[in-house]
PDB file of all heavy atoms in Angstrom:
ATOM      1  N   ALA A   1       5.565  -2.203 -12.054  1.00  0.00           N
ATOM      2  CA  ALA A   1       4.389  -2.192 -12.916  1.00  0.00           C
ATOM      3  C   ALA A   1       4.061  -0.775 -13.345  1.00  0.00           C
ATOM      4  O   ALA A   1       4.262   0.172 -12.582  1.00  0.00           O
ATOM      5  CB  ALA A   1       3.187  -2.795 -12.186  1.00  0.00           C
ATOM      6  N   VAL A   2       3.585  -0.642 -14.557  1.00  0.00           N
ATOM      7  CA  VAL A   2       3.105   0.649 -15.045  1.00  0.00           C
ATOM      8  C   VAL A   2       1.596   0.567 -15.190  1.00  0.00           C
ATOM      9  O   VAL A   2       1.034  -0.489 -15.480  1.00  0.00           O
ATOM     10  CB  VAL A   2       3.758   1.026 -16.397  1.00  0.00           C
ATOM     11  CG1 VAL A   2       5.260   1.207 -16.219  1.00  0.00           C
ATOM     12  CG2 VAL A   2       3.478  -0.027 -17.463  1.00  0.00           C
ATOM     13  N   GLY A   3       0.932   1.691 -14.938  1.00  0.00           N
ATOM     14  CA  GLY A   3      -0.520   1.687 -14.899  1.00  0.00           C
ATOM     15  C   GLY A   3      -1.163   2.471 -16.009  1.00  0.00           C
ATOM     16  O   GLY A   3      -0.559   3.362 -16.606  1.00  0.00           O
ATOM     17  N   ASP A   4      -2.394   2.120 -16.274  1.00  0.00           N
ATOM     18  CA  ASP A   4      -3.232   2.845 -17.228  1.00  0.00           C
ATOM     19  C   ASP A   4      -4.582   3.044 -16.554  1.00  0.00           C
ATOM     20  O   ASP A   4      -5.412   2.139 -16.522  1.00  0.00           O
ATOM     21  CB  ASP A   4      -3.382   2.043 -18.524  1.00  0.00           C
ATOM     22  CG  ASP A   4      -4.203   2.777 -19.587  1.00  0.00           C
ATOM     23  OD1 ASP A   4      -4.822   3.807 -19.246  1.00  0.00           O
ATOM     24  OD2 ASP A   4      -4.230   2.323 -20.738  1.00  0.00           O
ATOM     25  N   VAL A   5      -4.749   4.250 -15.959  1.00  0.00           N
ATOM     26  CA  VAL A   5      -5.980   4.525 -15.213  1.00  0.00           C
ATOM     27  C   VAL A   5      -7.201   4.411 -16.114  1.00  0.00           C
ATOM     28  O   VAL A   5      -8.246   3.887 -15.715  1.00  0.00           O
ATOM     29  CB  VAL A   5      -5.913   5.925 -14.560  1.00  0.00           C
ATOM     30  CG1 VAL A   5      -7.242   6.287 -13.918  1.00  0.00           C
ATOM     31  CG2 VAL A   5      -4.800   5.962 -13.515  1.00  0.00           C
ATOM     32  N   ASP A   6      -7.083   4.889 -17.349  1.00  0.00           N
ATOM     33  CA  ASP A   6      -8.221   4.842 -18.265  1.00  0.00           C
ATOM     34  C   ASP A   6      -8.643   3.401 -18.567  1.00  0.00           C
ATOM     35  O   ASP A   6      -9.821   3.133 -18.804  1.00  0.00           O
ATOM     36  CB  ASP A   6      -7.877   5.563 -19.569  1.00  0.00           C
ATOM     37  CG  ASP A   6      -7.675   7.054 -19.371  1.00  0.00           C
ATOM     38  OD1 ASP A   6      -8.291   7.599 -18.422  1.00  0.00           O
ATOM     39  OD2 ASP A   6      -6.910   7.663 -20.121  1.00  0.00           O
ATOM     40  N   ALA A   7      -7.691   2.472 -18.571  1.00  0.00           N
ATOM     41  CA  ALA A   7      -7.999   1.074 -18.885  1.00  0.00           C
ATOM     42  C   ALA A   7      -8.227   0.231 -17.632  1.00  0.00           C
ATOM     43  O   ALA A   7      -8.469  -0.969 -17.744  1.00  0.00           O
ATOM     44  CB  ALA A   7      -6.873   0.472 -19.714  1.00  0.00           C
ATOM     45  N   ASP A   8      -8.141   0.871 -16.437  1.00  0.00           N
ATOM     46  CA  ASP A   8      -8.309   0.157 -15.171  1.00  0.00           C
ATOM     47  C   ASP A   8      -7.375  -1.042 -15.083  1.00  0.00           C
ATOM     48  O   ASP A   8      -7.774  -2.135 -14.704  1.00  0.00           O
ATOM     49  CB  ASP A   8      -9.758  -0.306 -14.993  1.00  0.00           C
ATOM     50  CG  ASP A   8      -9.961  -1.078 -13.682  1.00  0.00           C
ATOM     51  OD1 ASP A   8      -9.194  -0.822 -12.739  1.00  0.00           O
ATOM     52  OD2 ASP A   8     -10.843  -1.952 -13.618  1.00  0.00           O
ATOM     53  N   ALA A   9      -6.109  -0.871 -15.468  1.00  0.00           N
ATOM     54  CA  ALA A   9      -5.194  -2.005 -15.427  1.00  0.00           C
ATOM     55  C   ALA A   9      -3.767  -1.528 -15.230  1.00  0.00           C
ATOM     56  O   ALA A   9      -3.413  -0.394 -15.536  1.00  0.00           O
ATOM     57  CB  ALA A   9      -5.299  -2.811 -16.718  1.00  0.00           C
ATOM     58  N   LEU A  10      -2.974  -2.427 -14.674  1.00  0.00           N
ATOM     59  CA  LEU A  10      -1.529  -2.214 -14.651  1.00  0.00           C
ATOM     60  C   LEU A  10      -0.879  -3.388 -15.361  1.00  0.00           C
ATOM     61  O   LEU A  10      -1.455  -4.469 -15.488  1.00  0.00           O
ATOM     62  CB  LEU A  10      -1.000  -2.047 -13.230  1.00  0.00           C
ATOM     63  CG  LEU A  10      -1.213  -3.127 -12.187  1.00  0.00           C
ATOM     64  CD1 LEU A  10      -0.324  -4.350 -12.405  1.00  0.00           C
ATOM     65  CD2 LEU A  10      -0.955  -2.570 -10.802  1.00  0.00           C
ATOM     66  N   THR A  11       0.339  -3.152 -15.839  1.00  0.00           N
ATOM     67  CA  THR A  11       1.102  -4.185 -16.536  1.00  0.00           C
ATOM     68  C   THR A  11       2.443  -4.350 -15.839  1.00  0.00           C
ATOM     69  O   THR A  11       3.145  -3.369 -15.583  1.00  0.00           O
ATOM     70  CB  THR A  11       1.343  -3.794 -18.006  1.00  0.00           C
ATOM     71  OG1 THR A  11       0.080  -3.579 -18.643  1.00  0.00           O
ATOM     72  CG2 THR A  11       2.096  -4.897 -18.738  1.00  0.00           C
ATOM     73  N   TYR A  12       2.798  -5.581 -15.523  1.00  0.00           N
ATOM     74  CA  TYR A  12       4.095  -5.849 -14.922  1.00  0.00           C
ATOM     75  C   TYR A  12       5.160  -5.820 -16.016  1.00  0.00           C
ATOM     76  O   TYR A  12       5.065  -6.563 -17.002  1.00  0.00           O
ATOM     77  CB  TYR A  12       4.091  -7.204 -14.213  1.00  0.00           C
ATOM     78  CG  TYR A  12       3.104  -7.277 -13.078  1.00  0.00           C
ATOM     79  CD1 TYR A  12       1.977  -8.097 -13.145  1.00  0.00           C
ATOM     80  CD2 TYR A  12       3.279  -6.500 -11.941  1.00  0.00           C
ATOM     81  CE1 TYR A  12       1.058  -8.151 -12.106  1.00  0.00           C
ATOM     82  CE2 TYR A  12       2.367  -6.554 -10.893  1.00  0.00           C
ATOM     83  CZ  TYR A  12       1.255  -7.376 -10.982  1.00  0.00           C
ATOM     84  OH  TYR A  12       0.347  -7.407  -9.952  1.00  0.00           O
ATOM     85  N   VAL A  13       6.149  -4.953 -15.842  1.00  0.00           N
ATOM     86  CA  VAL A  13       7.152  -4.774 -16.895  1.00  0.00           C
ATOM     87  C   VAL A  13       8.535  -5.269 -16.487  1.00  0.00           C
ATOM     88  O   VAL A  13       9.435  -5.371 -17.325  1.00  0.00           O
ATOM     89  CB  VAL A  13       7.243  -3.288 -17.330  1.00  0.00           C
ATOM     90  CG1 VAL A  13       5.934  -2.843 -17.947  1.00  0.00           C
ATOM     91  CG2 VAL A  13       7.620  -2.387 -16.154  1.00  0.00           C
ATOM     92  N   ASP A  14       8.730  -5.590 -15.213  1.00  0.00           N
ATOM     93  CA  ASP A  14      10.013  -6.136 -14.766  1.00  0.00           C
ATOM     94  C   ASP A  14       9.774  -6.929 -13.493  1.00  0.00           C
ATOM     95  O   ASP A  14       8.869  -6.618 -12.710  1.00  0.00           O
ATOM     96  CB  ASP A  14      11.025  -5.015 -14.513  1.00  0.00           C
ATOM     97  CG  ASP A  14      12.469  -5.507 -14.559  1.00  0.00           C
ATOM     98  OD1 ASP A  14      12.686  -6.724 -14.766  1.00  0.00           O
ATOM     99  OD2 ASP A  14      13.376  -4.668 -14.397  1.00  0.00           O
ATOM    100  N   VAL A  15      10.586  -7.967 -13.276  1.00  0.00           N
ATOM    101  CA  VAL A  15      10.413  -8.826 -12.104  1.00  0.00           C
ATOM    102  C   VAL A  15      11.760  -9.387 -11.677  1.00  0.00           C
ATOM    103  O   VAL A  15      12.598  -9.723 -12.516  1.00  0.00           O
ATOM    104  CB  VAL A  15       9.411  -9.972 -12.389  1.00  0.00           C
ATOM    105  CG1 VAL A  15       9.854 -10.808 -13.569  1.00  0.00           C
ATOM    106  CG2 VAL A  15       9.215 -10.839 -11.154  1.00  0.00           C
ATOM    107  N   ILE A  16      11.969  -9.450 -10.369  1.00  0.00           N
ATOM    108  CA  ILE A  16      13.090 -10.181  -9.769  1.00  0.00           C
ATOM    109  C   ILE A  16      12.466 -11.185  -8.811  1.00  0.00           C
ATOM    110  O   ILE A  16      11.874 -10.801  -7.803  1.00  0.00           O
ATOM    111  CB  ILE A  16      14.061  -9.250  -9.024  1.00  0.00           C
ATOM    112  CG1 ILE A  16      14.708  -8.256  -9.997  1.00  0.00           C
ATOM    113  CG2 ILE A  16      15.136 -10.074  -8.309  1.00  0.00           C
ATOM    114  CD1 ILE A  16      15.607  -7.248  -9.321  1.00  0.00           C
ATOM    115  N   GLU A  17      12.588 -12.459  -9.121  1.00  0.00           N
ATOM    116  CA  GLU A  17      11.905 -13.474  -8.328  1.00  0.00           C
ATOM    117  C   GLU A  17      12.666 -13.794  -7.039  1.00  0.00           C
ATOM    118  O   GLU A  17      13.901 -13.774  -7.005  1.00  0.00           O
ATOM    119  CB  GLU A  17      11.699 -14.744  -9.149  1.00  0.00           C
ATOM    120  CG  GLU A  17      10.639 -14.616 -10.221  1.00  0.00           C
ATOM    121  CD  GLU A  17      10.068 -15.959 -10.621  1.00  0.00           C
ATOM    122  OE1 GLU A  17      10.607 -16.997 -10.190  1.00  0.00           O
ATOM    123  OE2 GLU A  17       9.073 -15.967 -11.378  1.00  0.00           O
ATOM    124  N   SER A  18      11.904 -14.100  -6.009  1.00  0.00           N
ATOM    125  CA  SER A  18      12.465 -14.528  -4.736  1.00  0.00           C
ATOM    126  C   SER A  18      13.182 -15.865  -4.915  1.00  0.00           C
ATOM    127  O   SER A  18      12.841 -16.671  -5.789  1.00  0.00           O
ATOM    128  CB  SER A  18      11.343 -14.675  -3.707  1.00  0.00           C
ATOM    129  OG  SER A  18      11.798 -15.350  -2.554  1.00  0.00           O
ATOM    130  N   ARG A  19      14.170 -16.088  -4.055  1.00  0.00           N
ATOM    131  CA  ARG A  19      14.870 -17.370  -4.065  1.00  0.00           C
ATOM    132  C   ARG A  19      14.179 -18.403  -3.189  1.00  0.00           C
ATOM    133  O   ARG A  19      14.604 -19.561  -3.141  1.00  0.00           O
ATOM    134  CB  ARG A  19      16.314 -17.176  -3.587  1.00  0.00           C
ATOM    135  CG  ARG A  19      17.146 -16.313  -4.540  1.00  0.00           C
ATOM    136  CD  ARG A  19      18.549 -16.114  -4.005  1.00  0.00           C
ATOM    137  NE  ARG A  19      19.334 -15.245  -4.882  1.00  0.00           N
ATOM    138  CZ  ARG A  19      20.575 -14.850  -4.638  1.00  0.00           C
ATOM    139  NH1 ARG A  19      21.176 -15.240  -3.515  1.00  0.00           N
ATOM    140  NH2 ARG A  19      21.213 -14.073  -5.486  1.00  0.00           N
ATOM    141  N   ASN A  20      13.127 -17.988  -2.480  1.00  0.00           N
ATOM    142  CA  ASN A  20      12.383 -18.935  -1.661  1.00  0.00           C
ATOM    143  C   ASN A  20      11.726 -19.996  -2.526  1.00  0.00           C
ATOM    144  O   ASN A  20      11.252 -19.702  -3.635  1.00  0.00           O
ATOM    145  CB  ASN A  20      11.303 -18.216  -0.852  1.00  0.00           C
ATOM    146  CG  ASN A  20      11.895 -17.427   0.305  1.00  0.00           C
ATOM    147  OD1 ASN A  20      12.578 -17.975   1.148  1.00  0.00           O
ATOM    148  ND2 ASN A  20      11.636 -16.127   0.324  1.00  0.00           N
ATOM    149  N   ALA A  21      11.696 -21.216  -2.015  1.00  0.00           N
ATOM    150  CA  ALA A  21      11.060 -22.301  -2.769  1.00  0.00           C
ATOM    151  C   ALA A  21       9.580 -21.999  -2.988  1.00  0.00           C
ATOM    152  O   ALA A  21       9.031 -22.258  -4.067  1.00  0.00           O
ATOM    153  CB  ALA A  21      11.235 -23.629  -2.028  1.00  0.00           C
ATOM    154  N   VAL A  22       8.924 -21.447  -1.951  1.00  0.00           N
ATOM    155  CA  VAL A  22       7.530 -21.024  -2.076  1.00  0.00           C
ATOM    156  C   VAL A  22       7.536 -19.517  -2.267  1.00  0.00           C
ATOM    157  O   VAL A  22       7.969 -18.766  -1.387  1.00  0.00           O
ATOM    158  CB  VAL A  22       6.718 -21.406  -0.822  1.00  0.00           C
ATOM    159  CG1 VAL A  22       5.284 -20.915  -0.958  1.00  0.00           C
ATOM    160  CG2 VAL A  22       6.752 -22.917  -0.609  1.00  0.00           C
ATOM    161  N   ARG A  23       7.101 -19.062  -3.409  1.00  0.00           N
ATOM    162  CA  ARG A  23       7.176 -17.645  -3.726  1.00  0.00           C
ATOM    163  C   ARG A  23       6.035 -17.251  -4.644  1.00  0.00           C
ATOM    164  O   ARG A  23       5.405 -18.086  -5.287  1.00  0.00           O
ATOM    165  CB  ARG A  23       8.518 -17.305  -4.391  1.00  0.00           C
ATOM    166  CG  ARG A  23       8.760 -18.023  -5.713  1.00  0.00           C
ATOM    167  CD  ARG A  23      10.142 -17.682  -6.260  1.00  0.00           C
ATOM    168  NE  ARG A  23      10.400 -18.332  -7.542  1.00  0.00           N
ATOM    169  CZ  ARG A  23      11.007 -19.504  -7.664  1.00  0.00           C
ATOM    170  NH1 ARG A  23      11.393 -20.164  -6.585  1.00  0.00           N
ATOM    171  NH2 ARG A  23      11.212 -20.026  -8.860  1.00  0.00           N
ATOM    172  N   PHE A  24       5.806 -15.936  -4.693  1.00  0.00           N
ATOM    173  CA  PHE A  24       4.823 -15.385  -5.626  1.00  0.00           C
ATOM    174  C   PHE A  24       5.472 -15.297  -7.003  1.00  0.00           C
ATOM    175  O   PHE A  24       6.606 -14.853  -7.127  1.00  0.00           O
ATOM    176  CB  PHE A  24       4.377 -14.007  -5.168  1.00  0.00           C
ATOM    177  CG  PHE A  24       3.346 -13.381  -6.065  1.00  0.00           C
ATOM    178  CD1 PHE A  24       2.003 -13.652  -5.897  1.00  0.00           C
ATOM    179  CD2 PHE A  24       3.727 -12.524  -7.084  1.00  0.00           C
ATOM    180  CE1 PHE A  24       1.051 -13.083  -6.715  1.00  0.00           C
ATOM    181  CE2 PHE A  24       2.781 -11.945  -7.913  1.00  0.00           C
ATOM    182  CZ  PHE A  24       1.441 -12.226  -7.729  1.00  0.00           C
ATOM    183  N   SER A  25       4.760 -15.742  -8.024  1.00  0.00           N
ATOM    184  CA  SER A  25       5.323 -15.727  -9.372  1.00  0.00           C
ATOM    185  C   SER A  25       4.393 -14.992 -10.330  1.00  0.00           C
ATOM    186  O   SER A  25       3.170 -15.161 -10.286  1.00  0.00           O
ATOM    187  CB  SER A  25       5.536 -17.166  -9.871  1.00  0.00           C
ATOM    188  OG  SER A  25       6.159 -17.164 -11.134  1.00  0.00           O
ATOM    189  N   VAL A  26       4.987 -14.137 -11.154  1.00  0.00           N
ATOM    190  CA  VAL A  26       4.232 -13.396 -12.162  1.00  0.00           C
ATOM    191  C   VAL A  26       5.129 -13.216 -13.369  1.00  0.00           C
ATOM    192  O   VAL A  26       6.365 -13.195 -13.244  1.00  0.00           O
ATOM    193  CB  VAL A  26       3.758 -12.026 -11.622  1.00  0.00           C
ATOM    194  CG1 VAL A  26       4.939 -11.109 -11.365  1.00  0.00           C
ATOM    195  CG2 VAL A  26       2.769 -11.372 -12.562  1.00  0.00           C
ATOM    196  N   SER A  27       4.546 -13.113 -14.546  1.00  0.00           N
ATOM    197  CA  SER A  27       5.321 -12.966 -15.771  1.00  0.00           C
ATOM    198  C   SER A  27       5.287 -11.526 -16.255  1.00  0.00           C
ATOM    199  O   SER A  27       4.275 -10.830 -16.104  1.00  0.00           O
ATOM    200  CB  SER A  27       4.758 -13.879 -16.867  1.00  0.00           C
ATOM    201  OG  SER A  27       4.840 -15.233 -16.480  1.00  0.00           O
ATOM    202  N   VAL A  28       6.402 -11.089 -16.833  1.00  0.00           N
ATOM    203  CA  VAL A  28       6.435  -9.770 -17.463  1.00  0.00           C
ATOM    204  C   VAL A  28       5.380  -9.747 -18.567  1.00  0.00           C
ATOM    205  O   VAL A  28       5.266 -10.678 -19.363  1.00  0.00           O
ATOM    206  CB  VAL A  28       7.832  -9.491 -18.042  1.00  0.00           C
ATOM    207  CG1 VAL A  28       7.805  -8.240 -18.913  1.00  0.00           C
ATOM    208  CG2 VAL A  28       8.846  -9.328 -16.925  1.00  0.00           C
ATOM    209  N   GLY A  29       4.585  -8.685 -18.572  1.00  0.00           N
ATOM    210  CA  GLY A  29       3.502  -8.568 -19.544  1.00  0.00           C
ATOM    211  C   GLY A  29       2.139  -8.901 -18.984  1.00  0.00           C
ATOM    212  O   GLY A  29       1.114  -8.559 -19.590  1.00  0.00           O
ATOM    213  N   ASP A  30       2.106  -9.572 -17.813  1.00  0.00           N
ATOM    214  CA  ASP A  30       0.813  -9.862 -17.180  1.00  0.00           C
ATOM    215  C   ASP A  30       0.124  -8.558 -16.779  1.00  0.00           C
ATOM    216  O   ASP A  30       0.771  -7.601 -16.368  1.00  0.00           O
ATOM    217  CB  ASP A  30       1.006 -10.715 -15.928  1.00  0.00           C
ATOM    218  CG  ASP A  30       1.272 -12.178 -16.258  1.00  0.00           C
ATOM    219  OD1 ASP A  30       1.255 -12.530 -17.454  1.00  0.00           O
ATOM    220  OD2 ASP A  30       1.515 -12.958 -15.309  1.00  0.00           O
ATOM    221  N   ARG A  31      -1.213  -8.540 -16.893  1.00  0.00           N
ATOM    222  CA  ARG A  31      -1.993  -7.361 -16.533  1.00  0.00           C
ATOM    223  C   ARG A  31      -2.954  -7.715 -15.401  1.00  0.00           C
ATOM    224  O   ARG A  31      -3.457  -8.836 -15.335  1.00  0.00           O
ATOM    225  CB  ARG A  31      -2.781  -6.837 -17.747  1.00  0.00           C
ATOM    226  CG  ARG A  31      -1.892  -6.180 -18.779  1.00  0.00           C
ATOM    227  CD  ARG A  31      -2.627  -5.922 -20.099  1.00  0.00           C
ATOM    228  NE  ARG A  31      -3.712  -4.958 -19.965  1.00  0.00           N
ATOM    229  CZ  ARG A  31      -3.557  -3.638 -19.985  1.00  0.00           C
ATOM    230  NH1 ARG A  31      -2.338  -3.116 -20.107  1.00  0.00           N
ATOM    231  NH2 ARG A  31      -4.598  -2.831 -19.897  1.00  0.00           N
ATOM    232  N   ARG A  32      -3.185  -6.740 -14.541  1.00  0.00           N
ATOM    233  CA  ARG A  32      -4.097  -6.922 -13.420  1.00  0.00           C
ATOM    234  C   ARG A  32      -4.923  -5.648 -13.239  1.00  0.00           C
ATOM    235  O   ARG A  32      -4.490  -4.552 -13.605  1.00  0.00           O
ATOM    236  CB  ARG A  32      -3.324  -7.187 -12.121  1.00  0.00           C
ATOM    237  CG  ARG A  32      -2.485  -8.462 -12.115  1.00  0.00           C
ATOM    238  CD  ARG A  32      -3.340  -9.708 -11.983  1.00  0.00           C
ATOM    239  NE  ARG A  32      -2.508 -10.882 -11.789  1.00  0.00           N
ATOM    240  CZ  ARG A  32      -1.951 -11.595 -12.755  1.00  0.00           C
ATOM    241  NH1 ARG A  32      -2.155 -11.249 -14.025  1.00  0.00           N
ATOM    242  NH2 ARG A  32      -1.205 -12.661 -12.484  1.00  0.00           N
ATOM    243  N   PRO A  33      -6.119  -5.766 -12.639  1.00  0.00           N
ATOM    244  CA  PRO A  33      -6.922  -4.564 -12.365  1.00  0.00           C
ATOM    245  C   PRO A  33      -6.240  -3.655 -11.348  1.00  0.00           C
ATOM    246  O   PRO A  33      -5.497  -4.128 -10.486  1.00  0.00           O
ATOM    247  CB  PRO A  33      -8.232  -5.132 -11.805  1.00  0.00           C
ATOM    248  CG  PRO A  33      -8.245  -6.568 -12.203  1.00  0.00           C
ATOM    249  CD  PRO A  33      -6.817  -6.999 -12.255  1.00  0.00           C
ATOM    250  N   LEU A  34      -6.521  -2.371 -11.428  1.00  0.00           N
ATOM    251  CA  LEU A  34      -5.945  -1.427 -10.470  1.00  0.00           C
ATOM    252  C   LEU A  34      -6.583  -1.546  -9.087  1.00  0.00           C
ATOM    253  O   LEU A  34      -5.895  -1.465  -8.067  1.00  0.00           O
ATOM    254  CB  LEU A  34      -6.127   0.008 -10.976  1.00  0.00           C
ATOM    255  CG  LEU A  34      -5.398   0.412 -12.258  1.00  0.00           C
ATOM    256  CD1 LEU A  34      -5.753   1.857 -12.612  1.00  0.00           C
ATOM    257  CD2 LEU A  34      -3.897   0.265 -12.108  1.00  0.00           C
ATOM    258  N   PHE A  35      -7.897  -1.720  -9.033  1.00  0.00           N
ATOM    259  CA  PHE A  35      -8.620  -1.546  -7.772  1.00  0.00           C
ATOM    260  C   PHE A  35      -8.268  -2.591  -6.719  1.00  0.00           C
ATOM    261  O   PHE A  35      -8.393  -2.335  -5.521  1.00  0.00           O
ATOM    262  CB  PHE A  35     -10.141  -1.540  -8.005  1.00  0.00           C
ATOM    263  CG  PHE A  35     -10.745  -2.898  -8.251  1.00  0.00           C
ATOM    264  CD1 PHE A  35     -11.262  -3.648  -7.205  1.00  0.00           C
ATOM    265  CD2 PHE A  35     -10.797  -3.438  -9.532  1.00  0.00           C
ATOM    266  CE1 PHE A  35     -11.809  -4.896  -7.417  1.00  0.00           C
ATOM    267  CE2 PHE A  35     -11.346  -4.686  -9.760  1.00  0.00           C
ATOM    268  CZ  PHE A  35     -11.858  -5.423  -8.701  1.00  0.00           C
ATOM    269  N   CYS A  36      -7.804  -3.774  -7.143  1.00  0.00           N
ATOM    270  CA  CYS A  36      -7.596  -4.860  -6.187  1.00  0.00           C
ATOM    271  C   CYS A  36      -6.133  -5.264  -6.043  1.00  0.00           C
ATOM    272  O   CYS A  36      -5.839  -6.260  -5.381  1.00  0.00           O
ATOM    273  CB  CYS A  36      -8.435  -6.077  -6.573  1.00  0.00           C
ATOM    274  SG  CYS A  36      -8.034  -6.751  -8.200  1.00  0.00           S
ATOM    275  N   THR A  37      -5.217  -4.508  -6.627  1.00  0.00           N
ATOM    276  CA  THR A  37      -3.796  -4.815  -6.516  1.00  0.00           C
ATOM    277  C   THR A  37      -3.088  -3.720  -5.735  1.00  0.00           C
ATOM    278  O   THR A  37      -3.478  -2.552  -5.780  1.00  0.00           O
ATOM    279  CB  THR A  37      -3.150  -4.927  -7.910  1.00  0.00           C
ATOM    280  OG1 THR A  37      -3.420  -3.740  -8.659  1.00  0.00           O
ATOM    281  CG2 THR A  37      -3.680  -6.129  -8.666  1.00  0.00           C
ATOM    282  N   ALA A  38      -2.023  -4.107  -5.042  1.00  0.00           N
ATOM    283  CA  ALA A  38      -1.259  -3.117  -4.287  1.00  0.00           C
ATOM    284  C   ALA A  38      -0.664  -2.077  -5.227  1.00  0.00           C
ATOM    285  O   ALA A  38      -0.691  -0.876  -4.939  1.00  0.00           O
ATOM    286  CB  ALA A  38      -0.158  -3.816  -3.489  1.00  0.00           C
ATOM    287  N   GLY A  39      -0.116  -2.532  -6.355  1.00  0.00           N
ATOM    288  CA  GLY A  39       0.451  -1.595  -7.320  1.00  0.00           C
ATOM    289  C   GLY A  39      -0.575  -0.635  -7.873  1.00  0.00           C
ATOM    290  O   GLY A  39      -0.325   0.568  -7.996  1.00  0.00           O
ATOM    291  N   GLY A  40      -1.749  -1.155  -8.199  1.00  0.00           N
ATOM    292  CA  GLY A  40      -2.808  -0.304  -8.732  1.00  0.00           C
ATOM    293  C   GLY A  40      -3.273   0.731  -7.728  1.00  0.00           C
ATOM    294  O   GLY A  40      -3.465   1.901  -8.054  1.00  0.00           O
TER     295      GLY A  40
END
């Protein structure tokens, strides 16, 4: 993910999904706040 501190957000730009049947899923281009995400 790349971040934009001024916009208080990060954007996921690449993903490799787990092969586990139960897994975390996110789409390239999704944005999340910085303060509550590990990446942020």
